[in-house]
């Protein structure tokens, strides 16, 4: 998984969807990764966060970019 902070709109949807994996930078509001290797039980939440990210800044390695 990777994030491109330069694309992030700062809506915080990822942090709401998977707070164990994503956070928002308090200064700029952009996405921060809490971990690059989330546990398997969070995989579906991470996929949802990537799928519904309005800027497309979250990418799951090995999956097609949207």
Protein backbone atom coordinates (compact mmCIF):
# COMPACT_ATOMS: atom_id res chain seq x y z
CA UNK A 1 0.00 0.00 0.00
CA UNK A 2 1.17 3.49 -0.73
CA UNK A 3 -0.22 6.99 -0.54
CA UNK A 4 0.56 10.02 -2.64
CA UNK A 5 0.18 12.93 -0.23
CA UNK A 6 0.47 15.41 -3.10
CA UNK A 7 -2.87 14.14 -4.46
CA UNK A 8 -4.70 14.05 -1.11
CA UNK A 9 -7.69 16.40 -0.71
CA UNK A 10 -7.72 16.00 3.08
CA UNK A 11 -11.33 14.81 3.36
CA UNK A 12 -10.44 12.27 6.04
CA UNK A 13 -12.57 9.46 4.64
CA UNK A 14 -9.67 7.03 4.89
CA UNK A 15 -9.08 7.83 8.55
CA UNK A 16 -12.78 7.30 9.25
CA UNK A 17 -12.87 4.02 7.29
CA UNK A 18 -9.66 2.48 8.64
CA UNK A 19 -8.37 4.53 11.60
CA UNK A 20 -5.91 1.80 12.55
CA UNK A 21 -4.15 2.32 9.22
CA UNK A 22 -4.74 5.96 8.22
CA UNK A 23 -4.61 9.26 10.07
CA UNK A 24 -4.83 12.89 9.05
CA UNK A 25 -1.88 15.22 9.41
CA UNK A 26 -3.07 17.86 11.85
CA UNK A 27 -1.14 20.66 10.18
CA UNK A 28 -2.08 20.05 6.56
CA UNK A 29 -5.04 17.68 6.83
CA UNK A 30 -3.52 15.20 4.41
CA UNK A 31 -3.34 11.43 4.83
CA UNK A 32 -0.70 9.78 6.99
CA UNK A 33 -0.01 6.06 7.13
CA UNK A 34 0.07 4.54 10.59
CA UNK A 35 1.43 1.32 9.06
CA UNK A 36 2.45 0.11 5.60
CA UNK A 37 1.62 -3.49 6.50
CA UNK A 38 -1.82 -3.60 8.11
CA UNK A 39 -3.04 -6.88 9.59
CA UNK A 40 -5.05 -9.13 7.30
CA UNK A 41 -8.24 -8.52 9.28
CA UNK A 42 -8.12 -4.86 8.16
CA UNK A 43 -7.64 -5.67 4.46
CA UNK A 44 -11.27 -5.04 3.54
CA UNK A 45 -11.31 -1.66 5.34
CA UNK A 46 -8.10 -0.65 3.56
CA UNK A 47 -9.57 -1.65 0.18
CA UNK A 48 -12.69 0.40 0.90
CA UNK A 49 -10.58 3.40 1.90
CA UNK A 50 -8.63 3.15 -1.37
CA UNK A 51 -11.73 2.60 -3.48
CA UNK A 52 -13.63 5.55 -2.02
CA UNK A 53 -10.71 7.97 -1.74
CA UNK A 54 -11.93 10.98 -3.76
CA UNK A 55 -8.43 11.93 -4.88
CA UNK A 56 -7.17 8.42 -5.65
CA UNK A 57 -4.14 9.01 -3.46
CA UNK A 58 -4.30 5.55 -1.82
CA UNK A 59 -2.97 2.65 -3.85
CA UNK A 60 -2.97 -1.01 -2.96
CA UNK A 61 0.25 -2.54 -4.30
CA UNK A 62 -0.53 -5.31 -6.77
CA UNK A 63 -3.98 -3.95 -7.64
CA UNK A 64 -4.84 -1.87 -10.67
CA UNK A 65 -4.89 1.89 -9.98
CA UNK A 66 -8.28 3.50 -10.47
